[in-house]
């Protein structure tokens, strides 16, 4: 199941769900610099023009300012993927 997990409250909500039913889980954290993310957004806008109105540097900045990296103390099985591009 894919879910948004950019903030503590989003992850709290999902942790409540999998904890209640003791479901196995894995939180994949893709650790990229903002520079790399913005390059990917630029490429995506070229490949998928229908997303050009929403996949913008401004939208990225609006969403990113709320991002909080997951920590082991949150109780998730975390797989951290670090990429260079």
PDB file of N, CA and C in Angstrom:
ATOM      1  N   UNK A   1       0.850  -1.171   0.000  1.00  0.00           N
ATOM      2  CA  UNK A   1       0.000   0.000   0.000  1.00  0.00           C
ATOM      3  C   UNK A   1       0.896   1.234   0.000  1.00  0.00           C
ATOM      4  N   UNK A   2       0.656   2.101  -0.905  1.00  0.00           N
ATOM      5  CA  UNK A   2       1.416   3.342  -0.996  1.00  0.00           C
ATOM      6  C   UNK A   2       0.607   4.424  -0.281  1.00  0.00           C
ATOM      7  N   UNK A   3       1.265   5.245   0.521  1.00  0.00           N
ATOM      8  CA  UNK A   3       0.556   6.311   1.240  1.00  0.00           C
ATOM      9  C   UNK A   3       1.489   7.495   1.433  1.00  0.00           C
ATOM     10  N   UNK A   4       0.907   8.684   1.564  1.00  0.00           N
ATOM     11  CA  UNK A   4       1.753   9.851   1.817  1.00  0.00           C
ATOM     12  C   UNK A   4       2.314   9.781   3.236  1.00  0.00           C
ATOM     13  N   UNK A   5       3.589  10.040   3.345  1.00  0.00           N
ATOM     14  CA  UNK A   5       4.227   9.937   4.661  1.00  0.00           C
ATOM     15  C   UNK A   5       5.227  11.061   4.867  1.00  0.00           C
ATOM     16  N   UNK A   6       4.849  12.252   4.449  1.00  0.00           N
ATOM     17  CA  UNK A   6       5.769  13.380   4.522  1.00  0.00           C
ATOM     18  C   UNK A   6       5.843  14.022   5.900  1.00  0.00           C
ATOM     19  N   UNK A   7       4.825  13.809   6.722  1.00  0.00           N
ATOM     20  CA  UNK A   7       4.786  14.470   8.027  1.00  0.00           C
ATOM     21  C   UNK A   7       4.592  13.439   9.141  1.00  0.00           C
ATOM     22  N   UNK A   8       4.884  13.856  10.357  1.00  0.00           N
ATOM     23  CA  UNK A   8       4.679  12.968  11.505  1.00  0.00           C
ATOM     24  C   UNK A   8       3.222  12.554  11.639  1.00  0.00           C
ATOM     25  N   UNK A   9       2.295  13.481  11.439  1.00  0.00           N
ATOM     26  CA  UNK A   9       0.878  13.137  11.617  1.00  0.00           C
ATOM     27  C   UNK A   9       0.413  12.139  10.566  1.00  0.00           C
ATOM     28  N   UNK A  10       0.906  12.248   9.341  1.00  0.00           N
ATOM     29  CA  UNK A  10       0.549  11.258   8.325  1.00  0.00           C
ATOM     30  C   UNK A  10       1.081   9.884   8.711  1.00  0.00           C
ATOM     31  N   UNK A  11       2.303   9.829   9.210  1.00  0.00           N
ATOM     32  CA  UNK A  11       2.873   8.541   9.601  1.00  0.00           C
ATOM     33  C   UNK A  11       2.211   8.012  10.865  1.00  0.00           C
ATOM     34  N   UNK A  12       1.833   8.876  11.791  1.00  0.00           N
ATOM     35  CA  UNK A  12       1.106   8.433  12.990  1.00  0.00           C
ATOM     36  C   UNK A  12      -0.180   7.716  12.601  1.00  0.00           C
ATOM     37  N   UNK A  13      -0.916   8.311  11.661  1.00  0.00           N
ATOM     38  CA  UNK A  13      -2.176   7.728  11.191  1.00  0.00           C
ATOM     39  C   UNK A  13      -1.948   6.333  10.631  1.00  0.00           C
ATOM     40  N   UNK A  14      -0.941   6.199   9.780  1.00  0.00           N
ATOM     41  CA  UNK A  14      -0.703   4.898   9.166  1.00  0.00           C
ATOM     42  C   UNK A  14      -0.171   3.886  10.175  1.00  0.00           C
ATOM     43  N   UNK A  15       0.665   4.332  11.094  1.00  0.00           N
ATOM     44  CA  UNK A  15       1.178   3.422  12.129  1.00  0.00           C
ATOM     45  C   UNK A  15       0.031   2.872  12.960  1.00  0.00           C
ATOM     46  N   UNK A  16      -0.962   3.708  13.271  1.00  0.00           N
ATOM     47  CA  UNK A  16      -2.136   3.239  14.007  1.00  0.00           C
ATOM     48  C   UNK A  16      -2.826   2.096  13.271  1.00  0.00           C
ATOM     49  N   UNK A  17      -2.918   2.217  11.956  1.00  0.00           N
ATOM     50  CA  UNK A  17      -3.586   1.177  11.166  1.00  0.00           C
ATOM     51  C   UNK A  17      -2.805  -0.130  11.203  1.00  0.00           C
ATOM     52  N   UNK A  18      -1.509  -0.099  10.857  1.00  0.00           N
ATOM     53  CA  UNK A  18      -0.793  -1.372  10.795  1.00  0.00           C
ATOM     54  C   UNK A  18      -0.534  -1.956  12.176  1.00  0.00           C
ATOM     55  N   UNK A  19      -0.434  -1.114  13.190  1.00  0.00           N
ATOM     56  CA  UNK A  19      -0.223  -1.625  14.545  1.00  0.00           C
ATOM     57  C   UNK A  19      -1.461  -2.350  15.066  1.00  0.00           C
ATOM     58  N   UNK A  20      -2.625  -1.808  14.764  1.00  0.00           N
ATOM     59  CA  UNK A  20      -3.876  -2.398  15.241  1.00  0.00           C
ATOM     60  C   UNK A  20      -4.051  -3.827  14.738  1.00  0.00           C
ATOM     61  N   UNK A  21      -3.656  -4.083  13.504  1.00  0.00           N
ATOM     62  CA  UNK A  21      -3.829  -5.425  12.943  1.00  0.00           C
ATOM     63  C   UNK A  21      -2.501  -6.184  12.848  1.00  0.00           C
ATOM     64  N   UNK A  22      -1.447  -5.600  13.396  1.00  0.00           N
ATOM     65  CA  UNK A  22      -0.112  -6.192  13.399  1.00  0.00           C
ATOM     66  C   UNK A  22       0.334  -6.596  12.000  1.00  0.00           C
ATOM     67  N   UNK A  23       0.080  -5.720  11.034  1.00  0.00           N
ATOM     68  CA  UNK A  23       0.439  -5.992   9.638  1.00  0.00           C
ATOM     69  C   UNK A  23       1.920  -5.727   9.400  1.00  0.00           C
ATOM     70  N   UNK A  24       2.551  -6.552   8.594  1.00  0.00           N
ATOM     71  CA  UNK A  24       3.930  -6.247   8.215  1.00  0.00           C
ATOM     72  C   UNK A  24       3.941  -4.975   7.360  1.00  0.00           C
ATOM     73  N   UNK A  25       5.031  -4.251   7.437  1.00  0.00           N
ATOM     74  CA  UNK A  25       5.112  -2.986   6.700  1.00  0.00           C
ATOM     75  C   UNK A  25       6.568  -2.659   6.413  1.00  0.00           C
ATOM     76  N   UNK A  26       6.757  -1.739   5.497  1.00  0.00           N
ATOM     77  CA  UNK A  26       8.085  -1.236   5.178  1.00  0.00           C
ATOM     78  C   UNK A  26       7.921   0.186   4.656  1.00  0.00           C
ATOM     79  N   UNK A  27       8.538   1.136   5.315  1.00  0.00           N
ATOM     80  CA  UNK A  27       8.517   2.519   4.874  1.00  0.00           C
ATOM     81  C   UNK A  27       9.776   2.762   4.052  1.00  0.00           C
ATOM     82  N   UNK A  28       9.602   3.034   2.771  1.00  0.00           N
ATOM     83  CA  UNK A  28      10.737   3.302   1.899  1.00  0.00           C
ATOM     84  C   UNK A  28      10.951   4.815   1.853  1.00  0.00           C
ATOM     85  N   UNK A  29      12.105   5.220   2.321  1.00  0.00           N
ATOM     86  CA  UNK A  29      12.464   6.637   2.355  1.00  0.00           C
ATOM     87  C   UNK A  29      13.518   6.879   1.286  1.00  0.00           C
ATOM     88  N   UNK A  30      13.144   7.614   0.247  1.00  0.00           N
ATOM     89  CA  UNK A  30      14.075   7.932  -0.836  1.00  0.00           C
ATOM     90  C   UNK A  30      14.695   9.284  -0.518  1.00  0.00           C
ATOM     91  N   UNK A  31      15.956   9.247  -0.187  1.00  0.00           N
ATOM     92  CA  UNK A  31      16.679  10.433   0.261  1.00  0.00           C
ATOM     93  C   UNK A  31      17.375  11.099  -0.931  1.00  0.00           C
ATOM     94  N   UNK A  32      16.751  12.141  -1.444  1.00  0.00           N
ATOM     95  CA  UNK A  32      17.302  12.889  -2.577  1.00  0.00           C
ATOM     96  C   UNK A  32      17.430  14.359  -2.204  1.00  0.00           C
ATOM     97  N   UNK A  33      18.390  15.016  -2.800  1.00  0.00           N
ATOM     98  CA  UNK A  33      18.525  16.461  -2.586  1.00  0.00           C
ATOM     99  C   UNK A  33      17.392  17.180  -3.308  1.00  0.00           C
ATOM    100  N   UNK A  34      17.087  18.379  -2.870  1.00  0.00           N
ATOM    101  CA  UNK A  34      16.072  19.187  -3.551  1.00  0.00           C
ATOM    102  C   UNK A  34      16.472  19.433  -5.002  1.00  0.00           C
ATOM    103  N   UNK A  35      17.743  19.611  -5.235  1.00  0.00           N
ATOM    104  CA  UNK A  35      18.235  19.836  -6.601  1.00  0.00           C
ATOM    105  C   UNK A  35      17.869  18.664  -7.512  1.00  0.00           C
ATOM    106  N   UNK A  36      18.092  17.455  -7.054  1.00  0.00           N
ATOM    107  CA  UNK A  36      17.758  16.267  -7.841  1.00  0.00           C
ATOM    108  C   UNK A  36      16.249  16.175  -8.044  1.00  0.00           C
ATOM    109  N   UNK A  37      15.489  16.431  -7.010  1.00  0.00           N
ATOM    110  CA  UNK A  37      14.027  16.387  -7.130  1.00  0.00           C
ATOM    111  C   UNK A  37      13.528  17.389  -8.163  1.00  0.00           C
ATOM    112  N   UNK A  38      14.077  18.583  -8.147  1.00  0.00           N
ATOM    113  CA  UNK A  38      13.652  19.601  -9.101  1.00  0.00           C
ATOM    114  C   UNK A  38      14.019  19.213 -10.537  1.00  0.00           C
ATOM    115  N   UNK A  39      15.161  18.561 -10.719  1.00  0.00           N
ATOM    116  CA  UNK A  39      15.540  18.066 -12.047  1.00  0.00           C
ATOM    117  C   UNK A  39      14.559  16.993 -12.510  1.00  0.00           C
ATOM    118  N   UNK A  40      14.145  16.136 -11.595  1.00  0.00           N
ATOM    119  CA  UNK A  40      13.176  15.090 -11.946  1.00  0.00           C
ATOM    120  C   UNK A  40      11.823  15.700 -12.295  1.00  0.00           C
ATOM    121  N   UNK A  41      11.428  16.727 -11.580  1.00  0.00           N
ATOM    122  CA  UNK A  41      10.174  17.413 -11.890  1.00  0.00           C
ATOM    123  C   UNK A  41      10.244  18.025 -13.277  1.00  0.00           C
ATOM    124  N   UNK A  42      11.357  18.650 -13.599  1.00  0.00           N
ATOM    125  CA  UNK A  42      11.528  19.248 -14.922  1.00  0.00           C
ATOM    126  C   UNK A  42      11.404  18.184 -16.018  1.00  0.00           C
ATOM    127  N   UNK A  43      12.034  17.039 -15.797  1.00  0.00           N
ATOM    128  CA  UNK A  43      11.958  15.952 -16.777  1.00  0.00           C
ATOM    129  C   UNK A  43      10.533  15.409 -16.894  1.00  0.00           C
ATOM    130  N   UNK A  44       9.868  15.254 -15.783  1.00  0.00           N
ATOM    131  CA  UNK A  44       8.492  14.745 -15.772  1.00  0.00           C
ATOM    132  C   UNK A  44       7.556  15.695 -16.519  1.00  0.00           C
ATOM    133  N   UNK A  45       7.765  16.973 -16.373  1.00  0.00           N
ATOM    134  CA  UNK A  45       6.934  17.967 -17.085  1.00  0.00           C
ATOM    135  C   UNK A  45       7.089  17.817 -18.601  1.00  0.00           C
ATOM    136  N   UNK A  46       8.282  17.457 -19.054  1.00  0.00           N
ATOM    137  CA  UNK A  46       8.507  17.245 -20.488  1.00  0.00           C
ATOM    138  C   UNK A  46       7.848  15.959 -20.962  1.00  0.00           C
ATOM    139  N   UNK A  47       7.986  14.915 -20.165  1.00  0.00           N
ATOM    140  CA  UNK A  47       7.467  13.606 -20.546  1.00  0.00           C
ATOM    141  C   UNK A  47       5.957  13.483 -20.369  1.00  0.00           C
ATOM    142  N   UNK A  48       5.407  14.230 -19.420  1.00  0.00           N
ATOM    143  CA  UNK A  48       3.977  14.158 -19.113  1.00  0.00           C
ATOM    144  C   UNK A  48       3.412  15.580 -19.043  1.00  0.00           C
ATOM    145  N   UNK A  49       3.196  16.199 -20.186  1.00  0.00           N
ATOM    146  CA  UNK A  49       2.754  17.601 -20.208  1.00  0.00           C
ATOM    147  C   UNK A  49       1.462  17.862 -19.428  1.00  0.00           C
ATOM    148  N   UNK A  50       0.638  16.860 -19.279  1.00  0.00           N
ATOM    149  CA  UNK A  50      -0.608  17.038 -18.528  1.00  0.00           C
ATOM    150  C   UNK A  50      -0.350  17.343 -17.041  1.00  0.00           C
ATOM    151  N   UNK A  51       0.841  17.070 -16.573  1.00  0.00           N
ATOM    152  CA  UNK A  51       1.190  17.342 -15.179  1.00  0.00           C
ATOM    153  C   UNK A  51       1.874  18.703 -15.002  1.00  0.00           C
ATOM    154  N   UNK A  52       2.097  19.409 -16.083  1.00  0.00           N
ATOM    155  CA  UNK A  52       2.866  20.654 -16.041  1.00  0.00           C
ATOM    156  C   UNK A  52       2.250  21.715 -15.136  1.00  0.00           C
ATOM    157  N   UNK A  53       0.929  21.712 -15.012  1.00  0.00           N
ATOM    158  CA  UNK A  53       0.274  22.731 -14.189  1.00  0.00           C
ATOM    159  C   UNK A  53       0.502  22.505 -12.695  1.00  0.00           C
ATOM    160  N   UNK A  54       0.719  21.257 -12.305  1.00  0.00           N
ATOM    161  CA  UNK A  54       0.876  20.968 -10.866  1.00  0.00           C
ATOM    162  C   UNK A  54       2.291  20.575 -10.481  1.00  0.00           C
ATOM    163  N   UNK A  55       3.051  19.997 -11.380  1.00  0.00           N
ATOM    164  CA  UNK A  55       4.435  19.635 -11.081  1.00  0.00           C
ATOM    165  C   UNK A  55       5.335  20.820 -11.391  1.00  0.00           C
ATOM    166  N   UNK A  56       5.367  21.747 -10.468  1.00  0.00           N
ATOM    167  CA  UNK A  56       6.142  22.974 -10.656  1.00  0.00           C
ATOM    168  C   UNK A  56       7.135  23.149  -9.512  1.00  0.00           C
ATOM    169  N   UNK A  57       8.170  23.916  -9.725  1.00  0.00           N
ATOM    170  CA  UNK A  57       9.090  24.200  -8.614  1.00  0.00           C
ATOM    171  C   UNK A  57       8.373  24.849  -7.425  1.00  0.00           C
ATOM    172  N   UNK A  58       7.416  25.716  -7.698  1.00  0.00           N
ATOM    173  CA  UNK A  58       6.672  26.354  -6.607  1.00  0.00           C
ATOM    174  C   UNK A  58       5.873  25.330  -5.797  1.00  0.00           C
ATOM    175  N   UNK A  59       5.195  24.412  -6.487  1.00  0.00           N
ATOM    176  CA  UNK A  59       4.432  23.377  -5.788  1.00  0.00           C
ATOM    177  C   UNK A  59       5.375  22.502  -4.967  1.00  0.00           C
ATOM    178  N   UNK A  60       6.524  22.170  -5.541  1.00  0.00           N
ATOM    179  CA  UNK A  60       7.522  21.388  -4.813  1.00  0.00           C
ATOM    180  C   UNK A  60       7.924  22.100  -3.520  1.00  0.00           C
ATOM    181  N   UNK A  61       8.196  23.388  -3.602  1.00  0.00           N
ATOM    182  CA  UNK A  61       8.592  24.159  -2.419  1.00  0.00           C
ATOM    183  C   UNK A  61       7.471  24.189  -1.376  1.00  0.00           C
ATOM    184  N   UNK A  62       6.233  24.325  -1.827  1.00  0.00           N
ATOM    185  CA  UNK A  62       5.097  24.358  -0.897  1.00  0.00           C
ATOM    186  C   UNK A  62       4.956  23.040  -0.145  1.00  0.00           C
ATOM    187  N   UNK A  63       5.132  21.928  -0.839  1.00  0.00           N
ATOM    188  CA  UNK A  63       4.998  20.606  -0.220  1.00  0.00           C
ATOM    189  C   UNK A  63       6.225  20.283   0.632  1.00  0.00           C
ATOM    190  N   UNK A  64       7.399  20.575   0.119  1.00  0.00           N
ATOM    191  CA  UNK A  64       8.649  20.205   0.784  1.00  0.00           C
ATOM    192  C   UNK A  64       8.837  20.894   2.133  1.00  0.00           C
ATOM    193  N   UNK A  65       8.288  22.076   2.291  1.00  0.00           N
ATOM    194  CA  UNK A  65       8.504  22.778   3.566  1.00  0.00           C
ATOM    195  C   UNK A  65       7.878  22.044   4.750  1.00  0.00           C
ATOM    196  N   UNK A  66       6.968  21.091   4.483  1.00  0.00           N
ATOM    197  CA  UNK A  66       6.355  20.316   5.556  1.00  0.00           C
ATOM    198  C   UNK A  66       7.018  18.958   5.770  1.00  0.00           C
ATOM    199  N   UNK A  67       7.943  18.601   4.888  1.00  0.00           N
ATOM    200  CA  UNK A  67       8.554  17.277   4.955  1.00  0.00           C
ATOM    201  C   UNK A  67       9.385  17.108   6.218  1.00  0.00           C
ATOM    202  N   UNK A  68       9.253  15.944   6.823  1.00  0.00           N
ATOM    203  CA  UNK A  68      10.090  15.555   7.962  1.00  0.00           C
ATOM    204  C   UNK A  68      10.557  14.133   7.704  1.00  0.00           C
ATOM    205  N   UNK A  69      11.856  13.942   7.667  1.00  0.00           N
ATOM    206  CA  UNK A  69      12.400  12.601   7.429  1.00  0.00           C
ATOM    207  C   UNK A  69      11.980  11.661   8.549  1.00  0.00           C
ATOM    208  N   UNK A  70      11.680  10.411   8.211  1.00  0.00           N
ATOM    209  CA  UNK A  70      11.305   9.456   9.249  1.00  0.00           C
ATOM    210  C   UNK A  70      12.500   9.117  10.141  1.00  0.00           C
ATOM    211  N   UNK A  71      12.200   8.780  11.387  1.00  0.00           N
ATOM    212  CA  UNK A  71      13.241   8.404  12.338  1.00  0.00           C
ATOM    213  C   UNK A  71      12.936   7.014  12.897  1.00  0.00           C
ATOM    214  N   UNK A  72      13.947   6.296  13.351  1.00  0.00           N
ATOM    215  CA  UNK A  72      13.721   4.969  13.933  1.00  0.00           C
ATOM    216  C   UNK A  72      12.759   4.996  15.129  1.00  0.00           C
ATOM    217  N   UNK A  73      12.746   6.098  15.866  1.00  0.00           N
ATOM    218  CA  UNK A  73      11.887   6.209  17.052  1.00  0.00           C
ATOM    219  C   UNK A  73      10.397   6.161  16.707  1.00  0.00           C
ATOM    220  N   UNK A  74      10.045   6.370  15.442  1.00  0.00           N
ATOM    221  CA  UNK A  74       8.640   6.346  15.040  1.00  0.00           C
ATOM    222  C   UNK A  74       8.074   4.930  14.953  1.00  0.00           C
ATOM    223  N   UNK A  75       8.944   3.928  14.964  1.00  0.00           N
ATOM    224  CA  UNK A  75       8.465   2.550  14.996  1.00  0.00           C
ATOM    225  C   UNK A  75       8.195   1.902  13.652  1.00  0.00           C
ATOM    226  N   UNK A  76       8.726   2.461  12.578  1.00  0.00           N
ATOM    227  CA  UNK A  76       8.557   1.871  11.254  1.00  0.00           C
ATOM    228  C   UNK A  76       9.756   1.008  10.905  1.00  0.00           C
ATOM    229  N   UNK A  77       9.537   0.035  10.035  1.00  0.00           N
ATOM    230  CA  UNK A  77      10.634  -0.665   9.380  1.00  0.00           C
ATOM    231  C   UNK A  77      11.013   0.227   8.203  1.00  0.00           C
ATOM    232  N   UNK A  78      12.153   0.901   8.296  1.00  0.00           N
ATOM    233  CA  UNK A  78      12.546   1.894   7.295  1.00  0.00           C
ATOM    234  C   UNK A  78      13.630   1.342   6.391  1.00  0.00           C
ATOM    235  N   UNK A  79      13.405   1.478   5.104  1.00  0.00           N
ATOM    236  CA  UNK A  79      14.435   1.209   4.112  1.00  0.00           C
ATOM    237  C   UNK A  79      14.800   2.554   3.502  1.00  0.00           C
ATOM    238  N   UNK A  80      16.031   2.982   3.726  1.00  0.00           N
ATOM    239  CA  UNK A  80      16.487   4.264   3.193  1.00  0.00           C
ATOM    240  C   UNK A  80      17.225   4.010   1.882  1.00  0.00           C
ATOM    241  N   UNK A  81      16.780   4.704   0.844  1.00  0.00           N
ATOM    242  CA  UNK A  81      17.405   4.605  -0.462  1.00  0.00           C
ATOM    243  C   UNK A  81      17.985   5.983  -0.767  1.00  0.00           C
ATOM    244  N   UNK A  82      19.299   6.029  -0.924  1.00  0.00           N
ATOM    245  CA  UNK A  82      19.968   7.281  -1.259  1.00  0.00           C
ATOM    246  C   UNK A  82      20.460   7.158  -2.692  1.00  0.00           C
ATOM    247  N   UNK A  83      20.110   8.147  -3.495  1.00  0.00           N
ATOM    248  CA  UNK A  83      20.502   8.116  -4.902  1.00  0.00           C
ATOM    249  C   UNK A  83      21.237   9.399  -5.247  1.00  0.00           C
ATOM    250  N   UNK A  84      22.151   9.264  -6.157  1.00  0.00           N
ATOM    251  CA  UNK A  84      22.816  10.435  -6.727  1.00  0.00           C
ATOM    252  C   UNK A  84      22.404  10.515  -8.193  1.00  0.00           C
ATOM    253  N   UNK A  85      22.091  11.693  -8.635  1.00  0.00           N
ATOM    254  CA  UNK A  85      21.742  11.836 -10.053  1.00  0.00           C
ATOM    255  C   UNK A  85      22.327  13.129 -10.585  1.00  0.00           C
TER     256      UNK A  85
END
